[in-house]
Amino acid sequence: KTTFKQDEAQRVVSMQLPPGPQRIRGLAGTGKTIVLSIKAAITHKKFKDYKVLYLFNTQSLYQHVQSLITKYYALEAKKAPDFDENLQVLHAWGGRQKPGLYSSICRKYGILPLTLGDVRGRGDGLAYIYKDLLKRIGSVIVPEYDLVLIDEAQDFPNEVFELIYKITKGEPGEKRIIWAY
């Protein structure tokens, strides 16, 4: 109940699902993660066949984001969300313990993912692995997500956004990609 004490503007933004891109901008602690979590929960409930991706950069956010989405979804749907199929919460890279967008895409397309050790000394590791991925499979990527929510967008290089654009369904200008920074 504490997190539902948003001002009316946050609530209105949380309920919108525009056809096309949307930017949510704010200082740290202004509720951007809450807005994205509510969007994920509401979309997952209203559009059961939609595949939703919630992407972030800080590995420690896995539990926090899933917990927020679960709270909002449970209040609306009276059950737990399906994090296995139609609602995925993923770190941009991933690791041995938890999958990420990069590692999941590599697995899906039969590519051995690069590790942190593989990219050490090559500048921005995240930019490097996504640039490499796009070079290797960019022309064969099939869009699979109906909605992509990106938290901490300021931490992502352009190559991450290029991949997001390719994996999001819809015509140019109508792809539902919502980023907060």
C-alpha atoms as a PDB file:
ATOM      1  CA  LYS A   1       0.000   0.000   0.000  1.00  0.00           C
ATOM      2  CA  THR A   2       2.900   2.347   0.651  1.00  0.00           C
ATOM      3  CA  THR A   3       4.036   2.261  -2.963  1.00  0.00           C
ATOM      4  CA  PHE A   4       0.518   3.070  -4.152  1.00  0.00           C
ATOM      5  CA  LYS A   5       0.818   6.482  -2.519  1.00  0.00           C
ATOM      6  CA  GLN A   6       1.897   8.006  -5.794  1.00  0.00           C
ATOM      7  CA  ASP A   7       0.719  11.374  -6.897  1.00  0.00           C
ATOM      8  CA  GLU A   8      -1.989  11.371  -9.543  1.00  0.00           C
ATOM      9  CA  ALA A   9       0.437  12.152 -12.389  1.00  0.00           C
ATOM     10  CA  GLN A  10       2.498   9.007 -11.683  1.00  0.00           C
ATOM     11  CA  ARG A  11      -0.640   6.885 -11.615  1.00  0.00           C
ATOM     12  CA  VAL A  12      -1.885   8.288 -14.933  1.00  0.00           C
ATOM     13  CA  VAL A  13       1.496   7.678 -16.597  1.00  0.00           C
ATOM     14  CA  SER A  14       1.589   4.137 -15.205  1.00  0.00           C
ATOM     15  CA  MET A  15      -1.750   3.280 -16.791  1.00  0.00           C
ATOM     16  CA  GLN A  16      -0.854   4.462 -20.311  1.00  0.00           C
ATOM     17  CA  LEU A  17       0.357   2.073 -22.979  1.00  0.00           C
ATOM     18  CA  PRO A  18       1.050   4.247 -26.017  1.00  0.00           C
ATOM     19  CA  PRO A  19       1.427   2.858 -29.542  1.00  0.00           C
ATOM     20  CA  GLY A  20       5.051   3.788 -30.043  1.00  0.00           C
ATOM     21  CA  PRO A  21       8.000   4.893 -27.964  1.00  0.00           C
ATOM     22  CA  GLN A  22       7.673   6.684 -24.643  1.00  0.00           C
ATOM     23  CA  ARG A  23      10.302   8.339 -22.466  1.00  0.00           C
ATOM     24  CA  ILE A  24      10.032   8.656 -18.695  1.00  0.00           C
ATOM     25  CA  ARG A  25      12.533  11.090 -17.240  1.00  0.00           C
ATOM     26  CA  GLY A  26      13.238  11.898 -13.618  1.00  0.00           C
ATOM     27  CA  LEU A  27      15.775  12.233 -10.870  1.00  0.00           C
ATOM     28  CA  ALA A  28      16.815   9.288  -8.707  1.00  0.00           C
ATOM     29  CA  GLY A  29      14.038   8.345  -6.310  1.00  0.00           C
ATOM     30  CA  THR A  30      11.189   9.917  -8.283  1.00  0.00           C
ATOM     31  CA  GLY A  31       9.388   6.634  -8.941  1.00  0.00           C
ATOM     32  CA  LYS A  32      10.479   5.648 -12.439  1.00  0.00           C
ATOM     33  CA  THR A  33      10.992   1.990 -11.455  1.00  0.00           C
ATOM     34  CA  ILE A  34       7.565   1.967  -9.814  1.00  0.00           C
ATOM     35  CA  VAL A  35       5.939   3.403 -12.955  1.00  0.00           C
ATOM     36  CA  LEU A  36       7.635   0.773 -15.150  1.00  0.00           C
ATOM     37  CA  SER A  37       6.692  -2.020 -12.718  1.00  0.00           C
ATOM     38  CA  ILE A  38       3.042  -0.968 -12.741  1.00  0.00           C
ATOM     39  CA  LYS A  39       3.109  -0.794 -16.555  1.00  0.00           C
ATOM     40  CA  ALA A  40       4.521  -4.326 -16.654  1.00  0.00           C
ATOM     41  CA  ALA A  41       1.898  -5.636 -14.218  1.00  0.00           C
ATOM     42  CA  ILE A  42      -1.073  -3.926 -15.876  1.00  0.00           C
ATOM     43  CA  THR A  43       0.012  -4.939 -19.389  1.00  0.00           C
ATOM     44  CA  HIS A  44       0.575  -8.532 -18.260  1.00  0.00           C
ATOM     45  CA  LYS A  45      -2.941  -8.636 -16.807  1.00  0.00           C
ATOM     46  CA  LYS A  46      -4.794  -6.802 -19.608  1.00  0.00           C
ATOM     47  CA  PHE A  47      -3.008  -8.422 -22.543  1.00  0.00           C
ATOM     48  CA  LYS A  48      -2.291 -12.014 -21.544  1.00  0.00           C
ATOM     49  CA  ASP A  49      -0.869 -12.879 -24.971  1.00  0.00           C
ATOM     50  CA  TYR A  50       1.607  -9.969 -24.939  1.00  0.00           C
ATOM     51  CA  LYS A  51       5.236 -10.815 -24.360  1.00  0.00           C
ATOM     52  CA  VAL A  52       6.755  -8.161 -22.090  1.00  0.00           C
ATOM     53  CA  LEU A  53      10.435  -7.523 -21.372  1.00  0.00           C
ATOM     54  CA  TYR A  54      11.609  -5.467 -18.384  1.00  0.00           C
ATOM     55  CA  LEU A  55      15.304  -4.674 -18.883  1.00  0.00           C
ATOM     56  CA  PHE A  56      17.764  -3.113 -16.420  1.00  0.00           C
ATOM     57  CA  ASN A  57      21.498  -2.779 -15.848  1.00  0.00           C
ATOM     58  CA  THR A  58      22.088  -3.334 -12.118  1.00  0.00           C
ATOM     59  CA  GLN A  59      22.103  -7.064 -11.287  1.00  0.00           C
ATOM     60  CA  SER A  60      20.871  -6.439  -7.748  1.00  0.00           C
ATOM     61  CA  LEU A  61      17.540  -5.168  -9.160  1.00  0.00           C
ATOM     62  CA  TYR A  62      16.265  -8.642 -10.146  1.00  0.00           C
ATOM     63  CA  GLN A  63      14.515  -9.338  -6.854  1.00  0.00           C
ATOM     64  CA  HIS A  64      13.353  -5.746  -6.300  1.00  0.00           C
ATOM     65  CA  VAL A  65      11.715  -5.408  -9.726  1.00  0.00           C
ATOM     66  CA  GLN A  66      10.088  -8.847  -9.593  1.00  0.00           C
ATOM     67  CA  SER A  67       8.785  -8.040  -6.135  1.00  0.00           C
ATOM     68  CA  LEU A  68       7.270  -4.733  -7.277  1.00  0.00           C
ATOM     69  CA  ILE A  69       5.643  -6.295 -10.347  1.00  0.00           C
ATOM     70  CA  THR A  70       4.297  -9.163  -8.234  1.00  0.00           C
ATOM     71  CA  LYS A  71       2.745  -6.719  -5.732  1.00  0.00           C
ATOM     72  CA  TYR A  72       0.950  -4.709  -8.404  1.00  0.00           C
ATOM     73  CA  TYR A  73      -0.090  -7.740 -10.417  1.00  0.00           C
ATOM     74  CA  ALA A  74      -1.414  -9.568  -7.350  1.00  0.00           C
ATOM     75  CA  LEU A  75      -3.490  -6.526  -6.373  1.00  0.00           C
ATOM     76  CA  GLU A  76      -5.047  -6.423  -9.850  1.00  0.00           C
ATOM     77  CA  ALA A  77      -5.247 -10.126 -10.806  1.00  0.00           C
ATOM     78  CA  LYS A  78      -5.327 -11.865  -7.395  1.00  0.00           C
ATOM     79  CA  LYS A  79      -2.569 -14.261  -8.485  1.00  0.00           C
ATOM     80  CA  ALA A  80       1.167 -14.287  -9.206  1.00  0.00           C
ATOM     81  CA  PRO A  81       2.515 -13.127 -12.580  1.00  0.00           C
ATOM     82  CA  ASP A  82       4.009 -15.549 -15.098  1.00  0.00           C
ATOM     83  CA  PHE A  83       7.712 -14.623 -15.103  1.00  0.00           C
ATOM     84  CA  ASP A  84       8.632 -17.674 -17.176  1.00  0.00           C
ATOM     85  CA  GLU A  85       6.879 -17.002 -20.460  1.00  0.00           C
ATOM     86  CA  ASN A  86       5.112 -13.730 -21.154  1.00  0.00           C
ATOM     87  CA  LEU A  87       6.776 -11.449 -18.618  1.00  0.00           C
ATOM     88  CA  GLN A  88      10.551 -11.495 -18.494  1.00  0.00           C
ATOM     89  CA  VAL A  89      12.666  -9.454 -16.089  1.00  0.00           C
ATOM     90  CA  LEU A  90      16.225  -9.472 -17.389  1.00  0.00           C
ATOM     91  CA  HIS A  91      19.592  -7.882 -16.735  1.00  0.00           C
ATOM     92  CA  ALA A  92      21.190  -6.552 -19.934  1.00  0.00           C
ATOM     93  CA  TRP A  93      24.106  -9.003 -19.843  1.00  0.00           C
ATOM     94  CA  GLY A  94      23.227 -11.893 -17.568  1.00  0.00           C
ATOM     95  CA  GLY A  95      25.524 -14.293 -15.826  1.00  0.00           C
ATOM     96  CA  ARG A  96      26.016 -17.879 -14.792  1.00  0.00           C
ATOM     97  CA  GLN A  97      23.389 -17.674 -12.047  1.00  0.00           C
ATOM     98  CA  LYS A  98      20.740 -15.562 -13.797  1.00  0.00           C
ATOM     99  CA  PRO A  99      19.948 -15.196 -17.483  1.00  0.00           C
ATOM    100  CA  GLY A 100      20.118 -11.782 -19.092  1.00  0.00           C
ATOM    101  CA  LEU A 101      18.945 -10.427 -22.410  1.00  0.00           C
ATOM    102  CA  TYR A 102      22.331 -10.920 -24.052  1.00  0.00           C
ATOM    103  CA  SER A 103      22.833 -14.463 -22.775  1.00  0.00           C
ATOM    104  CA  SER A 104      19.223 -15.392 -23.648  1.00  0.00           C
ATOM    105  CA  ILE A 105      19.518 -14.087 -27.212  1.00  0.00           C
ATOM    106  CA  CYS A 106      22.841 -15.912 -27.648  1.00  0.00           C
ATOM    107  CA  ARG A 107      21.259 -19.160 -26.430  1.00  0.00           C
ATOM    108  CA  LYS A 108      18.221 -18.701 -28.687  1.00  0.00           C
ATOM    109  CA  TYR A 109      20.382 -18.188 -31.776  1.00  0.00           C
ATOM    110  CA  GLY A 110      22.990 -20.822 -30.895  1.00  0.00           C
ATOM    111  CA  ILE A 111      25.848 -18.425 -30.190  1.00  0.00           C
ATOM    112  CA  LEU A 112      28.426 -18.862 -27.445  1.00  0.00           C
ATOM    113  CA  PRO A 113      28.115 -15.685 -25.316  1.00  0.00           C
ATOM    114  CA  LEU A 114      31.162 -13.578 -24.636  1.00  0.00           C
ATOM    115  CA  THR A 115      32.197 -13.246 -21.001  1.00  0.00           C
ATOM    116  CA  LEU A 116      33.521 -10.287 -19.067  1.00  0.00           C
ATOM    117  CA  GLY A 117      36.984 -11.812 -19.425  1.00  0.00           C
ATOM    118  CA  ASP A 118      36.573 -11.955 -23.221  1.00  0.00           C
ATOM    119  CA  VAL A 119      35.937  -8.211 -23.469  1.00  0.00           C
ATOM    120  CA  ARG A 120      38.325  -6.929 -20.806  1.00  0.00           C
ATOM    121  CA  GLY A 121      40.386  -4.066 -22.218  1.00  0.00           C
ATOM    122  CA  ARG A 122      38.045  -3.431 -25.171  1.00  0.00           C
ATOM    123  CA  GLY A 123      36.324  -0.322 -23.819  1.00  0.00           C
ATOM    124  CA  ASP A 124      32.668  -0.497 -22.821  1.00  0.00           C
ATOM    125  CA  GLY A 125      32.052  -4.241 -22.393  1.00  0.00           C
ATOM    126  CA  LEU A 126      28.282  -3.967 -22.815  1.00  0.00           C
ATOM    127  CA  ALA A 127      28.652  -1.970 -26.033  1.00  0.00           C
ATOM    128  CA  TYR A 128      31.199  -4.484 -27.306  1.00  0.00           C
ATOM    129  CA  ILE A 129      29.086  -7.609 -26.719  1.00  0.00           C
ATOM    130  CA  TYR A 130      25.945  -6.076 -28.248  1.00  0.00           C
ATOM    131  CA  LYS A 131      27.870  -4.728 -31.239  1.00  0.00           C
ATOM    132  CA  ASP A 132      29.353  -8.204 -31.755  1.00  0.00           C
ATOM    133  CA  LEU A 133      25.908  -9.806 -31.387  1.00  0.00           C
ATOM    134  CA  LEU A 134      24.337  -7.406 -33.888  1.00  0.00           C
ATOM    135  CA  LYS A 135      27.160  -8.049 -36.348  1.00  0.00           C
ATOM    136  CA  ARG A 136      26.694 -11.807 -36.044  1.00  0.00           C
ATOM    137  CA  ILE A 137      22.894 -12.123 -36.098  1.00  0.00           C
ATOM    138  CA  GLY A 138      21.461  -8.639 -36.719  1.00  0.00           C
ATOM    139  CA  SER A 139      19.923  -9.579 -40.048  1.00  0.00           C
ATOM    140  CA  VAL A 140      18.134 -12.700 -38.759  1.00  0.00           C
ATOM    141  CA  ILE A 141      16.693 -11.427 -35.470  1.00  0.00           C
ATOM    142  CA  VAL A 142      12.968 -12.070 -35.206  1.00  0.00           C
ATOM    143  CA  PRO A 143      10.873  -9.583 -33.195  1.00  0.00           C
ATOM    144  CA  GLU A 144       9.360 -11.330 -30.178  1.00  0.00           C
ATOM    145  CA  TYR A 145       8.339  -8.713 -27.588  1.00  0.00           C
ATOM    146  CA  ASP A 146       5.132  -6.680 -27.718  1.00  0.00           C
ATOM    147  CA  LEU A 147       6.366  -4.272 -25.044  1.00  0.00           C
ATOM    148  CA  VAL A 148       9.876  -3.500 -23.812  1.00  0.00           C
ATOM    149  CA  LEU A 149      10.387  -1.510 -20.609  1.00  0.00           C
ATOM    150  CA  ILE A 150      13.917  -0.230 -20.018  1.00  0.00           C
ATOM    151  CA  ASP A 151      14.971   0.956 -16.562  1.00  0.00           C
ATOM    152  CA  GLU A 152      18.272   2.796 -16.016  1.00  0.00           C
ATOM    153  CA  ALA A 153      18.377   3.641 -19.733  1.00  0.00           C
ATOM    154  CA  GLN A 154      21.155   6.182 -19.174  1.00  0.00           C
ATOM    155  CA  ASP A 155      23.491   3.249 -18.456  1.00  0.00           C
ATOM    156  CA  PHE A 156      23.005   1.579 -21.839  1.00  0.00           C
ATOM    157  CA  PRO A 157      25.070   2.127 -24.996  1.00  0.00           C
ATOM    158  CA  ASN A 158      23.386   2.632 -28.373  1.00  0.00           C
ATOM    159  CA  GLU A 159      23.970  -1.010 -29.328  1.00  0.00           C
ATOM    160  CA  VAL A 160      21.542  -2.182 -26.628  1.00  0.00           C
ATOM    161  CA  PHE A 161      18.840   0.089 -28.056  1.00  0.00           C
ATOM    162  CA  GLU A 162      19.561  -1.202 -31.567  1.00  0.00           C
ATOM    163  CA  LEU A 163      18.945  -4.775 -30.410  1.00  0.00           C
ATOM    164  CA  ILE A 164      15.829  -3.732 -28.462  1.00  0.00           C
ATOM    165  CA  TYR A 165      14.446  -2.119 -31.613  1.00  0.00           C
ATOM    166  CA  LYS A 166      15.012  -5.338 -33.566  1.00  0.00           C
ATOM    167  CA  ILE A 167      13.394  -7.637 -30.962  1.00  0.00           C
ATOM    168  CA  THR A 168      10.299  -5.443 -30.485  1.00  0.00           C
ATOM    169  CA  LYS A 169       7.232  -6.166 -32.615  1.00  0.00           C
ATOM    170  CA  GLY A 170       5.510  -3.440 -34.598  1.00  0.00           C
ATOM    171  CA  GLU A 171       5.998  -1.092 -37.476  1.00  0.00           C
ATOM    172  CA  PRO A 172       8.584   1.682 -37.208  1.00  0.00           C
ATOM    173  CA  GLY A 173       7.161   4.434 -35.019  1.00  0.00           C
ATOM    174  CA  GLU A 174       4.702   2.036 -33.395  1.00  0.00           C
ATOM    175  CA  LYS A 175       7.047  -0.273 -31.484  1.00  0.00           C
ATOM    176  CA  ARG A 176       6.162  -0.127 -27.792  1.00  0.00           C
ATOM    177  CA  ILE A 177       9.507   0.683 -26.201  1.00  0.00           C
ATOM    178  CA  ILE A 178       9.373   2.660 -22.971  1.00  0.00           C
ATOM    179  CA  TRP A 179      12.569   3.808 -21.325  1.00  0.00           C
ATOM    180  CA  ALA A 180      13.215   5.561 -18.040  1.00  0.00           C
ATOM    181  CA  TYR A 181      16.340   7.484 -17.156  1.00  0.00           C
END
